[in-house]
Amino acid sequence: MVIPHAHQRMIQREITTTDIKLVLLHGSIKKQPRGRYRFKGWCMDKRDCQVVIEFENGLIIITAISDEK
C-alpha cells in the first residue's frame, strides 16, 4: 500500500513503482524510530533512491526520496 503522501512524492520526484521495487529488493536496510525501515538503493536511471516503510497489517510505503534529475 502506498499512502497518499508517498504517492505525491513519487510523482514530484519522478520515482516509479519499478524504482520502489528495485530499492526494496536490492537496497540496504536501516531500522528507524517508530517501527519504520529505510531502504537505500538506486532508481532505474541510476539516481540514489530511498524508500521509508512500516508494517501495519502489511507493507505501507511512507515516502520515497531521490536525488534530483
Protein backbone atom coordinates (compact mmCIF):
# COMPACT_ATOMS: atom_id res chain seq x y z
CA MET A 1 0.00 0.00 0.00
CA VAL A 2 1.28 3.46 -0.90
CA ILE A 3 -0.11 6.24 1.30
CA PRO A 4 -1.16 9.48 -0.44
CA HIS A 5 1.92 11.37 0.81
CA ALA A 6 4.25 8.77 -0.71
CA HIS A 7 2.30 8.73 -3.98
CA GLN A 8 2.58 12.54 -4.21
CA ARG A 9 6.34 12.41 -3.54
CA MET A 10 6.78 9.69 -6.16
CA ILE A 11 5.14 11.93 -8.76
CA GLN A 12 7.13 15.02 -7.70
CA ARG A 13 10.42 13.12 -7.68
CA GLU A 14 9.71 11.00 -10.76
CA ILE A 15 10.02 7.72 -8.86
CA THR A 16 8.17 4.78 -10.39
CA THR A 17 6.78 1.65 -8.78
CA THR A 18 9.57 -0.23 -10.56
CA ASP A 19 12.09 2.04 -8.79
CA ILE A 20 10.41 1.27 -5.44
CA LYS A 21 10.56 -2.48 -6.09
CA LEU A 22 14.22 -2.26 -7.10
CA VAL A 23 15.16 -0.41 -3.89
CA LEU A 24 13.14 -2.79 -1.68
CA LEU A 25 14.65 -5.88 -3.31
CA HIS A 26 18.28 -4.76 -3.59
CA GLY A 27 18.79 -1.79 -1.26
CA SER A 28 20.38 -1.71 2.16
CA ILE A 29 18.07 -1.57 5.18
CA LYS A 30 18.31 0.58 8.32
CA LYS A 31 15.81 0.44 11.18
CA GLN A 32 14.26 3.83 12.01
CA PRO A 33 12.28 5.07 15.04
CA ARG A 34 8.58 4.16 15.41
CA GLY A 35 8.93 0.79 13.71
CA ARG A 36 9.91 2.17 10.33
CA TYR A 37 12.65 0.99 7.97
CA ARG A 38 14.68 2.99 5.44
CA PHE A 39 15.86 1.23 2.30
CA LYS A 40 18.67 2.88 0.32
CA GLY A 41 19.44 1.90 -3.26
CA TRP A 42 19.19 3.15 -6.84
CA CYS A 43 16.38 4.04 -9.20
CA MET A 44 16.37 2.60 -12.72
CA ASP A 45 18.03 5.79 -14.02
CA LYS A 46 20.90 5.34 -11.50
CA ARG A 47 19.84 8.11 -9.09
CA ASP A 48 20.24 7.38 -5.39
CA CYS A 49 16.81 6.47 -4.08
CA GLN A 50 15.37 5.84 -0.62
CA VAL A 51 12.09 4.31 0.49
CA VAL A 52 10.69 4.51 4.02
CA ILE A 53 8.25 1.79 5.02
CA GLU A 54 6.42 0.45 8.05
CA PHE A 55 4.41 -2.69 8.70
CA GLU A 56 0.82 -2.34 9.87
CA ASN A 57 -1.41 -5.11 8.51
CA GLY A 58 1.02 -5.37 5.60
CA LEU A 59 3.70 -3.22 3.99
CA ILE A 60 2.99 0.51 3.90
CA ILE A 61 5.18 2.87 1.88
CA ILE A 62 5.54 6.09 3.85
CA THR A 63 7.69 8.15 1.46
CA ALA A 64 10.13 7.95 -1.44
CA ILE A 65 13.22 10.13 -1.79
CA SER A 66 15.73 10.52 -4.63
CA ASP A 67 18.46 12.75 -5.93
CA GLU A 68 17.16 15.41 -8.30
CA LYS A 69 17.24 14.65 -12.02
